[in-house]
Amino acid sequence: VFAVSNPWDKGPVEGLKAESTCKPKGTCACNCMPDGFGGYKERESAVKPVAAQIVEAIVDDDSPAPAVAAATKVAPAKAAPAARASSSAAALSFDELVANSVKTKEEVYGRKLTDAEVADLKAKVTKLMAM
């Protein structure tokens, strides 16, 4: 049996933290916690069972319980406006729709539209009105 080295192994990587010697909880004697990088690190202090922590908090607590914050009043939500069957305004004509579209585009672009752009808008309005 021959030992063959890994041809892709370039040796130790600079700046790489050495693997922690601490094992997952239950496999070593230390009290471990996750380190956030897939490994474990030793805790600075011992961890007590939850029941023991609660009892200590109750026994050691000499101060009165904090006051519960008063619930803030929330205004009731406004009812949605009833859907209207028809609009109170008269329907716009084709020329008015095109003029509104041109005006809006000119405000957005900050310039006058070319004749080709106006023709394109007319085509779009015609297509939408045909639906």
Foldseek 3Di string as FASTA:
>chain_A
DDDDDDPPDPDDDPPDDDADPDQPPPPDDADWDDPPPPHIDGDPDDDDDPVVVVVCCVVVDPDDDDDDDDDDDDDDDDDDDDDDPDDPDDDDDLVVQLVVVQVVVCVVVVHHDDPVVSVVSSVVSVVVVVD
